[in-house]
Amino acid sequence: MTTPAFTFRPLDPLRDAELLHSWVTHPKAAFWMMQDAKLEDVERAYMEIAADEHHHALLGLDERGAPAFLMERYDPAHRELTGLYDPEPGDVGMHFLTPPTDRPVHGFTRAVITAVMEHLFEDPAVRRVVVEPDVANTAVHALNAAVGFVPEREIQKPEKKALLSFCTREQFEAARGAAV
């Protein structure tokens, strides 16, 4: 399978809210914790992110320019993980969400997380990507491992028990080389 070519654009909280709402409230997105969100809740949440200098939301676009997934990047020293681990220079936090589909494409989510990691590591200041998925989200743990993430420990966040995991640029490159 050829890896799809994705591009990224900043999420527009108002223009993209309806699309996002359909993604984050779908049962497949249970770990996103927005199942009962109203359209206004999604607009508000992403307007807050848009106004936050330490948190950014992007849409991944497919080769036709259509929205294909959501990516968030954040500074773990200021958001999500503040006080839960000792951040190092060059750490960046990440979330991603693929939309629900009636026609799954084999390898799509793996291509998405690979594109997200490539995008993050395009910034030479990024040395390590940090994630904190729910401990019960075994599907994302497998994807994370496939691109080089190594779990460090479970942590208790206000909203969930999470698996704190890290991936250095070198670990990502080694995982990419192993997949070829």
N, C-alpha and C. Protein backbone atom coordinates (compact mmCIF):
# COMPACT_ATOMS: atom_id res chain seq x y z
N MET A 1 0.84 -1.19 0.00
CA MET A 1 0.00 0.00 0.00
C MET A 1 0.88 1.25 0.00
N THR A 2 0.56 2.18 -0.84
CA THR A 2 1.27 3.44 -0.88
C THR A 2 0.79 4.31 0.27
N THR A 3 1.73 4.93 0.98
CA THR A 3 1.36 5.81 2.08
C THR A 3 0.71 7.06 1.51
N PRO A 4 -0.48 7.40 2.01
CA PRO A 4 -1.14 8.61 1.50
C PRO A 4 -0.32 9.86 1.82
N ALA A 5 -0.46 10.85 0.96
CA ALA A 5 0.22 12.13 1.20
C ALA A 5 -0.76 13.04 1.93
N PHE A 6 -0.41 13.43 3.13
CA PHE A 6 -1.25 14.32 3.92
C PHE A 6 -0.60 15.69 4.03
N THR A 7 -1.42 16.71 4.10
CA THR A 7 -0.96 18.06 4.42
C THR A 7 -1.73 18.49 5.66
N PHE A 8 -1.31 19.60 6.23
CA PHE A 8 -1.93 20.09 7.47
C PHE A 8 -2.35 21.54 7.31
N ARG A 9 -3.45 21.88 7.98
CA ARG A 9 -3.86 23.27 8.06
C ARG A 9 -4.41 23.52 9.45
N PRO A 10 -4.28 24.76 9.95
CA PRO A 10 -4.86 25.07 11.26
C PRO A 10 -6.37 24.83 11.24
N LEU A 11 -6.86 24.29 12.31
CA LEU A 11 -8.29 24.07 12.45
C LEU A 11 -8.98 25.41 12.65
N ASP A 12 -10.10 25.60 12.00
CA ASP A 12 -10.92 26.80 12.19
C ASP A 12 -12.08 26.39 13.09
N PRO A 13 -12.09 26.84 14.36
CA PRO A 13 -13.07 26.36 15.33
C PRO A 13 -14.53 26.55 14.90
N LEU A 14 -14.83 27.59 14.15
CA LEU A 14 -16.20 27.80 13.72
C LEU A 14 -16.51 27.07 12.42
N ARG A 15 -15.65 27.22 11.44
CA ARG A 15 -15.89 26.60 10.14
C ARG A 15 -15.85 25.07 10.23
N ASP A 16 -14.99 24.53 11.09
CA ASP A 16 -14.80 23.09 11.16
C ASP A 16 -15.59 22.42 12.29
N ALA A 17 -16.34 23.18 13.07
CA ALA A 17 -17.01 22.63 14.25
C ALA A 17 -18.00 21.52 13.91
N GLU A 18 -18.78 21.69 12.86
CA GLU A 18 -19.78 20.68 12.53
C GLU A 18 -19.12 19.35 12.17
N LEU A 19 -18.08 19.42 11.37
CA LEU A 19 -17.33 18.22 11.02
C LEU A 19 -16.74 17.57 12.27
N LEU A 20 -16.06 18.38 13.07
CA LEU A 20 -15.45 17.86 14.30
C LEU A 20 -16.48 17.25 15.22
N HIS A 21 -17.62 17.92 15.35
CA HIS A 21 -18.70 17.42 16.21
C HIS A 21 -19.09 16.01 15.78
N SER A 22 -19.21 15.79 14.47
CA SER A 22 -19.59 14.44 14.00
C SER A 22 -18.50 13.42 14.32
N TRP A 23 -17.26 13.84 14.38
CA TRP A 23 -16.17 12.92 14.70
C TRP A 23 -16.09 12.63 16.19
N VAL A 24 -16.08 13.67 17.02
CA VAL A 24 -15.81 13.49 18.46
C VAL A 24 -16.98 12.91 19.23
N THR A 25 -18.19 12.98 18.68
CA THR A 25 -19.35 12.43 19.38
C THR A 25 -19.69 11.01 18.92
N HIS A 26 -19.00 10.51 17.92
CA HIS A 26 -19.24 9.16 17.43
C HIS A 26 -18.74 8.14 18.47
N PRO A 27 -19.43 7.01 18.61
CA PRO A 27 -18.98 6.00 19.58
C PRO A 27 -17.52 5.57 19.40
N LYS A 28 -17.00 5.59 18.17
CA LYS A 28 -15.60 5.23 17.91
C LYS A 28 -14.64 6.17 18.65
N ALA A 29 -15.09 7.39 18.93
CA ALA A 29 -14.23 8.39 19.57
C ALA A 29 -14.45 8.46 21.08
N ALA A 30 -14.87 7.37 21.69
CA ALA A 30 -15.17 7.37 23.12
C ALA A 30 -14.00 7.89 23.96
N PHE A 31 -12.77 7.56 23.57
CA PHE A 31 -11.61 8.00 24.36
C PHE A 31 -11.35 9.50 24.22
N TRP A 32 -12.04 10.17 23.30
CA TRP A 32 -11.90 11.62 23.13
C TRP A 32 -12.71 12.33 24.22
N MET A 33 -13.60 11.61 24.88
CA MET A 33 -14.40 12.08 26.01
C MET A 33 -15.30 13.28 25.68
N MET A 34 -15.88 13.28 24.49
CA MET A 34 -16.82 14.33 24.09
C MET A 34 -18.12 13.74 23.55
N GLN A 35 -18.44 12.52 23.96
CA GLN A 35 -19.60 11.81 23.43
C GLN A 35 -20.90 12.60 23.51
N ASP A 36 -21.10 13.33 24.58
CA ASP A 36 -22.35 14.07 24.78
C ASP A 36 -22.24 15.54 24.42
N ALA A 37 -21.16 15.93 23.78
CA ALA A 37 -20.94 17.35 23.45
C ALA A 37 -21.96 17.84 22.43
N LYS A 38 -22.40 19.05 22.63
CA LYS A 38 -23.25 19.73 21.64
C LYS A 38 -22.31 20.48 20.69
N LEU A 39 -22.84 20.91 19.55
CA LEU A 39 -22.04 21.65 18.58
C LEU A 39 -21.35 22.84 19.25
N GLU A 40 -22.08 23.56 20.07
CA GLU A 40 -21.52 24.74 20.76
C GLU A 40 -20.37 24.34 21.68
N ASP A 41 -20.45 23.16 22.31
CA ASP A 41 -19.38 22.69 23.19
C ASP A 41 -18.10 22.47 22.39
N VAL A 42 -18.25 21.91 21.20
CA VAL A 42 -17.09 21.65 20.34
C VAL A 42 -16.50 22.99 19.87
N GLU A 43 -17.35 23.90 19.45
CA GLU A 43 -16.87 25.24 19.05
C GLU A 43 -16.09 25.88 20.19
N ARG A 44 -16.66 25.85 21.38
CA ARG A 44 -16.04 26.49 22.54
C ARG A 44 -14.69 25.84 22.87
N ALA A 45 -14.66 24.51 22.88
CA ALA A 45 -13.42 23.79 23.20
C ALA A 45 -12.31 24.15 22.23
N TYR A 46 -12.65 24.21 20.93
CA TYR A 46 -11.60 24.48 19.95
C TYR A 46 -11.30 25.97 19.81
N MET A 47 -12.21 26.82 20.21
CA MET A 47 -11.88 28.26 20.29
C MET A 47 -10.88 28.49 21.43
N GLU A 48 -11.05 27.75 22.53
CA GLU A 48 -10.10 27.85 23.64
C GLU A 48 -8.71 27.38 23.19
N ILE A 49 -8.67 26.29 22.44
CA ILE A 49 -7.38 25.81 21.94
C ILE A 49 -6.77 26.84 20.98
N ALA A 50 -7.59 27.41 20.10
CA ALA A 50 -7.09 28.41 19.14
C ALA A 50 -6.50 29.63 19.84
N ALA A 51 -7.01 29.95 21.01
CA ALA A 51 -6.53 31.12 21.75
C ALA A 51 -5.35 30.79 22.67
N ASP A 52 -4.98 29.54 22.73
CA ASP A 52 -3.96 29.07 23.67
C ASP A 52 -2.60 28.97 22.98
N GLU A 53 -1.62 29.71 23.47
CA GLU A 53 -0.29 29.68 22.85
C GLU A 53 0.43 28.35 23.05
N HIS A 54 -0.05 27.50 23.95
CA HIS A 54 0.61 26.23 24.24
C HIS A 54 -0.12 25.01 23.69
N HIS A 55 -1.18 25.25 22.89
CA HIS A 55 -1.99 24.14 22.39
C HIS A 55 -2.49 24.52 21.00
N HIS A 56 -2.34 23.63 20.03
CA HIS A 56 -2.73 23.93 18.65
C HIS A 56 -3.47 22.73 18.06
N ALA A 57 -4.51 23.02 17.29
CA ALA A 57 -5.27 21.97 16.61
C ALA A 57 -5.11 22.14 15.11
N LEU A 58 -4.87 21.04 14.43
CA LEU A 58 -4.68 21.04 12.98
C LEU A 58 -5.57 19.96 12.36
N LEU A 59 -6.00 20.21 11.16
CA LEU A 59 -6.66 19.17 10.39
C LEU A 59 -5.65 18.59 9.42
N GLY A 60 -5.61 17.27 9.36
CA GLY A 60 -4.84 16.59 8.34
C GLY A 60 -5.72 16.45 7.12
N LEU A 61 -5.19 16.82 5.98
CA LEU A 61 -5.95 16.80 4.73
C LEU A 61 -5.41 15.71 3.81
N ASP A 62 -6.32 15.04 3.11
CA ASP A 62 -5.89 14.02 2.16
C ASP A 62 -5.39 14.67 0.87
N GLU A 63 -5.03 13.85 -0.10
CA GLU A 63 -4.44 14.39 -1.34
C GLU A 63 -5.41 15.27 -2.14
N ARG A 64 -6.72 15.17 -1.86
CA ARG A 64 -7.70 16.06 -2.51
C ARG A 64 -7.93 17.34 -1.72
N GLY A 65 -7.32 17.44 -0.52
CA GLY A 65 -7.52 18.61 0.33
C GLY A 65 -8.71 18.47 1.27
N ALA A 66 -9.29 17.28 1.34
CA ALA A 66 -10.44 17.04 2.23
C ALA A 66 -9.94 16.67 3.63
N PRO A 67 -10.63 17.12 4.68
CA PRO A 67 -10.24 16.76 6.05
C PRO A 67 -10.24 15.24 6.23
N ALA A 68 -9.13 14.71 6.74
CA ALA A 68 -8.98 13.27 6.91
C ALA A 68 -8.77 12.87 8.37
N PHE A 69 -8.29 13.79 9.22
CA PHE A 69 -8.07 13.49 10.64
C PHE A 69 -7.79 14.79 11.39
N LEU A 70 -7.83 14.68 12.70
CA LEU A 70 -7.54 15.79 13.61
C LEU A 70 -6.24 15.50 14.33
N MET A 71 -5.44 16.53 14.48
CA MET A 71 -4.18 16.42 15.23
C MET A 71 -4.11 17.61 16.19
N GLU A 72 -3.70 17.34 17.42
CA GLU A 72 -3.43 18.41 18.37
C GLU A 72 -1.99 18.26 18.83
N ARG A 73 -1.35 19.41 18.97
CA ARG A 73 0.00 19.43 19.53
C ARG A 73 -0.04 20.39 20.69
N TYR A 74 0.67 20.05 21.77
CA TYR A 74 0.65 20.90 22.94
C TYR A 74 2.00 20.86 23.64
N ASP A 75 2.23 21.89 24.45
CA ASP A 75 3.45 21.95 25.25
C ASP A 75 3.16 21.28 26.59
N PRO A 76 3.72 20.10 26.85
CA PRO A 76 3.39 19.36 28.06
C PRO A 76 3.88 20.03 29.35
N ALA A 77 4.72 21.02 29.23
CA ALA A 77 5.14 21.76 30.42
C ALA A 77 4.02 22.71 30.87
N HIS A 78 3.09 23.03 29.95
CA HIS A 78 2.03 24.00 30.24
C HIS A 78 0.62 23.43 30.13
N ARG A 79 0.42 22.31 29.44
CA ARG A 79 -0.90 21.73 29.22
C ARG A 79 -0.86 20.22 29.41
N GLU A 80 -1.97 19.66 29.78
CA GLU A 80 -2.20 18.22 29.85
C GLU A 80 -1.38 17.48 30.91
N LEU A 81 -0.09 17.70 30.94
CA LEU A 81 0.78 16.91 31.81
C LEU A 81 1.50 17.73 32.88
N THR A 82 1.08 18.97 33.05
CA THR A 82 1.71 19.84 34.03
C THR A 82 1.69 19.17 35.41
N GLY A 83 2.88 19.01 35.98
CA GLY A 83 3.00 18.42 37.31
C GLY A 83 2.94 16.91 37.35
N LEU A 84 2.76 16.25 36.21
CA LEU A 84 2.64 14.79 36.19
C LEU A 84 3.92 14.09 35.74
N TYR A 85 4.84 14.84 35.17
CA TYR A 85 6.16 14.31 34.82
C TYR A 85 7.08 15.51 34.66
N ASP A 86 8.38 15.25 34.59
CA ASP A 86 9.35 16.33 34.43
C ASP A 86 9.66 16.50 32.95
N PRO A 87 9.09 17.55 32.32
CA PRO A 87 9.33 17.75 30.89
C PRO A 87 10.80 18.08 30.62
N GLU A 88 11.25 17.64 29.45
CA GLU A 88 12.60 17.94 29.00
C GLU A 88 12.53 18.94 27.86
N PRO A 89 13.60 19.71 27.64
CA PRO A 89 13.61 20.60 26.47
C PRO A 89 13.36 19.80 25.20
N GLY A 90 12.51 20.30 24.35
CA GLY A 90 12.21 19.61 23.10
C GLY A 90 11.05 18.65 23.18
N ASP A 91 10.38 18.55 24.34
CA ASP A 91 9.20 17.70 24.45
C ASP A 91 7.99 18.38 23.81
N VAL A 92 7.18 17.62 23.11
CA VAL A 92 5.91 18.11 22.56
C VAL A 92 4.87 17.01 22.77
N GLY A 93 3.69 17.42 23.21
CA GLY A 93 2.59 16.48 23.40
C GLY A 93 1.75 16.39 22.13
N MET A 94 1.06 15.26 21.96
CA MET A 94 0.29 15.03 20.75
C MET A 94 -0.95 14.21 21.03
N HIS A 95 -2.03 14.57 20.34
CA HIS A 95 -3.26 13.76 20.25
C HIS A 95 -3.61 13.66 18.77
N PHE A 96 -4.25 12.58 18.38
CA PHE A 96 -4.78 12.52 17.02
C PHE A 96 -6.08 11.72 17.04
N LEU A 97 -6.94 12.03 16.07
CA LEU A 97 -8.23 11.35 15.97
C LEU A 97 -8.54 11.12 14.50
N THR A 98 -8.82 9.87 14.16
CA THR A 98 -9.30 9.57 12.81
C THR A 98 -10.82 9.50 12.87
N PRO A 99 -11.48 9.93 11.82
CA PRO A 99 -12.94 9.96 11.84
C PRO A 99 -13.55 8.57 11.66
N PRO A 100 -14.81 8.42 12.06
CA PRO A 100 -15.49 7.16 11.83
C PRO A 100 -15.72 6.95 10.33
N THR A 101 -15.78 5.69 9.93
CA THR A 101 -16.03 5.39 8.52
C THR A 101 -16.77 4.06 8.41
N ASP A 102 -17.57 3.95 7.38
CA ASP A 102 -18.23 2.68 7.07
C ASP A 102 -17.35 1.81 6.19
N ARG A 103 -16.29 2.42 5.64
CA ARG A 103 -15.38 1.69 4.74
C ARG A 103 -13.93 1.86 5.22
N PRO A 104 -13.55 1.12 6.26
CA PRO A 104 -12.17 1.24 6.75
C PRO A 104 -11.16 0.90 5.67
N VAL A 105 -10.06 1.64 5.67
CA VAL A 105 -8.96 1.41 4.74
C VAL A 105 -7.80 0.83 5.55
N HIS A 106 -7.40 -0.38 5.20
CA HIS A 106 -6.30 -1.04 5.91
C HIS A 106 -5.05 -0.14 5.90
N GLY A 107 -4.48 0.10 7.08
CA GLY A 107 -3.26 0.89 7.19
C GLY A 107 -3.48 2.39 7.30
N PHE A 108 -4.73 2.85 7.21
CA PHE A 108 -4.98 4.29 7.23
C PHE A 108 -4.53 4.94 8.53
N THR A 109 -4.93 4.37 9.67
CA THR A 109 -4.59 5.00 10.95
C THR A 109 -3.09 4.97 11.18
N ARG A 110 -2.43 3.92 10.75
CA ARG A 110 -0.97 3.85 10.85
C ARG A 110 -0.33 4.94 9.99
N ALA A 111 -0.89 5.17 8.79
CA ALA A 111 -0.38 6.25 7.93
C ALA A 111 -0.60 7.61 8.57
N VAL A 112 -1.74 7.77 9.26
CA VAL A 112 -2.04 9.04 9.93
C VAL A 112 -1.03 9.30 11.05
N ILE A 113 -0.82 8.33 11.93
CA ILE A 113 0.10 8.58 13.05
C ILE A 113 1.52 8.79 12.53
N THR A 114 1.89 8.13 11.46
CA THR A 114 3.21 8.34 10.86
C THR A 114 3.32 9.77 10.34
N ALA A 115 2.27 10.24 9.64
CA ALA A 115 2.27 11.62 9.12
C ALA A 115 2.32 12.63 10.26
N VAL A 116 1.60 12.36 11.34
CA VAL A 116 1.60 13.26 12.50
C VAL A 116 3.01 13.34 13.09
N MET A 117 3.65 12.20 13.25
CA MET A 117 5.00 12.18 13.82
C MET A 117 5.99 12.88 12.89
N GLU A 118 5.88 12.64 11.59
CA GLU A 118 6.76 13.33 10.64
C GLU A 118 6.57 14.84 10.75
N HIS A 119 5.32 15.26 10.84
CA HIS A 119 5.01 16.69 10.95
C HIS A 119 5.62 17.29 12.23
N LEU A 120 5.47 16.59 13.34
CA LEU A 120 6.03 17.09 14.60
C LEU A 120 7.56 17.17 14.52
N PHE A 121 8.20 16.17 13.96
CA PHE A 121 9.65 16.14 13.90
C PHE A 121 10.22 17.04 12.80
N GLU A 122 9.36 17.62 11.95
CA GLU A 122 9.84 18.64 11.01
C GLU A 122 10.38 19.85 11.76
N ASP A 123 9.88 20.07 12.96
CA ASP A 123 10.36 21.16 13.81
C ASP A 123 11.66 20.70 14.46
N PRO A 124 12.80 21.31 14.12
CA PRO A 124 14.07 20.84 14.67
C PRO A 124 14.17 20.97 16.19
N ALA A 125 13.31 21.79 16.80
CA ALA A 125 13.33 21.94 18.25
C ALA A 125 12.69 20.75 18.96
N VAL A 126 11.90 19.96 18.24
CA VAL A 126 11.23 18.80 18.85
C VAL A 126 12.22 17.65 18.94
N ARG A 127 12.44 17.19 20.16
CA ARG A 127 13.35 16.07 20.39
C ARG A 127 12.61 14.80 20.77
N ARG A 128 11.41 15.00 21.38
CA ARG A 128 10.67 13.84 21.89
C ARG A 128 9.18 14.16 21.88
N VAL A 129 8.37 13.19 21.46
CA VAL A 129 6.92 13.33 21.47
C VAL A 129 6.39 12.57 22.68
N VAL A 130 5.45 13.20 23.37
CA VAL A 130 4.87 12.66 24.59
C VAL A 130 3.39 12.40 24.33
N VAL A 131 2.90 11.24 24.74
CA VAL A 131 1.47 10.94 24.64
C VAL A 131 0.99 10.38 25.98
N GLU A 132 -0.31 10.52 26.20
CA GLU A 132 -0.91 10.05 27.45
C GLU A 132 -2.31 9.49 27.18
N PRO A 133 -2.37 8.41 26.35
CA PRO A 133 -3.68 7.81 26.08
C PRO A 133 -4.23 7.06 27.29
N ASP A 134 -5.52 6.88 27.29
CA ASP A 134 -6.19 6.10 28.33
C ASP A 134 -5.55 4.71 28.37
N VAL A 135 -5.33 4.18 29.58
CA VAL A 135 -4.71 2.86 29.71
C VAL A 135 -5.55 1.78 29.02
N ALA A 136 -6.85 1.99 28.90
CA ALA A 136 -7.73 0.99 28.28
C ALA A 136 -7.72 1.05 26.76
N ASN A 137 -7.08 2.05 26.17
CA ASN A 137 -7.10 2.23 24.72
C ASN A 137 -5.99 1.39 24.07
N THR A 138 -6.19 0.08 24.05
CA THR A 138 -5.15 -0.83 23.57
C THR A 138 -4.85 -0.64 22.09
N ALA A 139 -5.84 -0.23 21.31
CA ALA A 139 -5.60 -0.02 19.88
C ALA A 139 -4.57 1.08 19.66
N VAL A 140 -4.69 2.18 20.40
CA VAL A 140 -3.73 3.27 20.21
C VAL A 140 -2.37 2.91 20.81
N HIS A 141 -2.35 2.09 21.85
CA HIS A 141 -1.05 1.65 22.39
C HIS A 141 -0.27 0.87 21.32
N ALA A 142 -0.97 0.03 20.57
CA ALA A 142 -0.31 -0.74 19.50
C ALA A 142 0.18 0.19 18.40
N LEU A 143 -0.62 1.17 18.02
CA LEU A 143 -0.18 2.14 17.01
C LEU A 143 1.02 2.93 17.50
N ASN A 144 0.96 3.38 18.76
CA ASN A 144 2.08 4.13 19.32
C ASN A 144 3.36 3.30 19.28
N ALA A 145 3.26 2.04 19.68
CA ALA A 145 4.44 1.16 19.67
C ALA A 145 4.98 1.00 18.25
N ALA A 146 4.09 0.94 17.27
CA ALA A 146 4.50 0.73 15.88
C ALA A 146 5.33 1.89 15.33
N VAL A 147 5.15 3.10 15.89
CA VAL A 147 5.94 4.24 15.42
C VAL A 147 7.06 4.61 16.39
N GLY A 148 7.29 3.76 17.40
CA GLY A 148 8.46 3.96 18.24
C GLY A 148 8.22 4.41 19.67
N PHE A 149 6.96 4.59 20.08
CA PHE A 149 6.71 5.01 21.46
C PHE A 149 7.06 3.91 22.44
N VAL A 150 7.62 4.32 23.58
CA VAL A 150 7.95 3.40 24.66
C VAL A 150 7.18 3.87 25.90
N PRO A 151 6.33 3.01 26.45
CA PRO A 151 5.60 3.39 27.67
C PRO A 151 6.56 3.58 28.84
N GLU A 152 6.30 4.61 29.65
CA GLU A 152 7.13 4.80 30.84
C GLU A 152 6.39 4.35 32.09
N ARG A 153 5.14 4.84 32.27
CA ARG A 153 4.38 4.46 33.46
C ARG A 153 2.95 4.95 33.32
N GLU A 154 2.09 4.39 34.17
CA GLU A 154 0.73 4.88 34.25
C GLU A 154 0.70 6.12 35.14
N ILE A 155 -0.13 7.09 34.75
CA ILE A 155 -0.31 8.30 35.55
C ILE A 155 -1.80 8.53 35.72
N GLN A 156 -2.16 9.23 36.77
CA GLN A 156 -3.56 9.57 37.00
C GLN A 156 -3.78 11.02 36.63
N LYS A 157 -4.56 11.21 35.56
CA LYS A 157 -4.97 12.56 35.16
C LYS A 157 -6.35 12.80 35.77
N PRO A 158 -6.81 14.04 35.80
CA PRO A 158 -8.13 14.29 36.38
C PRO A 158 -9.25 13.49 35.69
N GLU A 159 -9.14 13.29 34.39
CA GLU A 159 -10.22 12.66 33.63
C GLU A 159 -10.00 11.18 33.32
N LYS A 160 -8.78 10.65 33.59
CA LYS A 160 -8.52 9.27 33.20
C LYS A 160 -7.21 8.78 33.80
N LYS A 161 -7.07 7.44 33.80
CA LYS A 161 -5.77 6.83 34.07
C LYS A 161 -5.10 6.69 32.71
N ALA A 162 -3.89 7.21 32.58
CA ALA A 162 -3.24 7.30 31.29
C ALA A 162 -1.90 6.56 31.29
N LEU A 163 -1.49 6.14 30.10
CA LEU A 163 -0.19 5.50 29.91
C LEU A 163 0.75 6.54 29.31
N LEU A 164 1.64 7.07 30.13
CA LEU A 164 2.62 8.07 29.70
C LEU A 164 3.69 7.36 28.87
N SER A 165 3.84 7.82 27.63
CA SER A 165 4.77 7.18 26.71
C SER A 165 5.55 8.25 25.94
N PHE A 166 6.75 7.89 25.50
CA PHE A 166 7.64 8.82 24.83
C PHE A 166 8.19 8.20 23.55
N CYS A 167 8.48 9.07 22.58
CA CYS A 167 9.12 8.63 21.35
C CYS A 167 10.12 9.70 20.93
N THR A 168 11.39 9.34 20.91
CA THR A 168 12.41 10.27 20.44
C THR A 168 12.45 10.23 18.91
N ARG A 169 13.10 11.19 18.35
CA ARG A 169 13.30 11.24 16.89
C ARG A 169 13.99 9.94 16.43
N GLU A 170 14.99 9.48 17.19
CA GLU A 170 15.73 8.28 16.82
C GLU A 170 14.84 7.03 16.90
N GLN A 171 14.00 6.95 17.93
CA GLN A 171 13.09 5.81 18.04
C GLN A 171 12.09 5.79 16.88
N PHE A 172 11.62 6.98 16.48
CA PHE A 172 10.69 7.06 15.36
C PHE A 172 11.37 6.61 14.07
N GLU A 173 12.57 7.11 13.84
CA GLU A 173 13.30 6.73 12.62
C GLU A 173 13.58 5.23 12.60
N ALA A 174 13.95 4.65 13.74
CA ALA A 174 14.21 3.21 13.81
C ALA A 174 12.93 2.42 13.52
N ALA A 175 11.81 2.86 14.05
CA ALA A 175 10.53 2.16 13.81
C ALA A 175 10.14 2.28 12.35
N ARG A 176 10.37 3.43 11.75
CA ARG A 176 10.05 3.61 10.32
C ARG A 176 10.93 2.70 9.47
N GLY A 177 12.20 2.60 9.83
CA GLY A 177 13.12 1.73 9.08
C GLY A 177 12.73 0.27 9.21
N ALA A 178 12.26 -0.12 10.39
CA ALA A 178 11.85 -1.51 10.63
C ALA A 178 10.59 -1.86 9.85
N ALA A 179 9.77 -0.84 9.55
CA ALA A 179 8.49 -1.09 8.86
C ALA A 179 8.68 -1.21 7.35
N VAL A 180 9.85 -0.81 6.85
CA VAL A 180 10.07 -0.83 5.39
C VAL A 180 10.35 -2.22 4.89
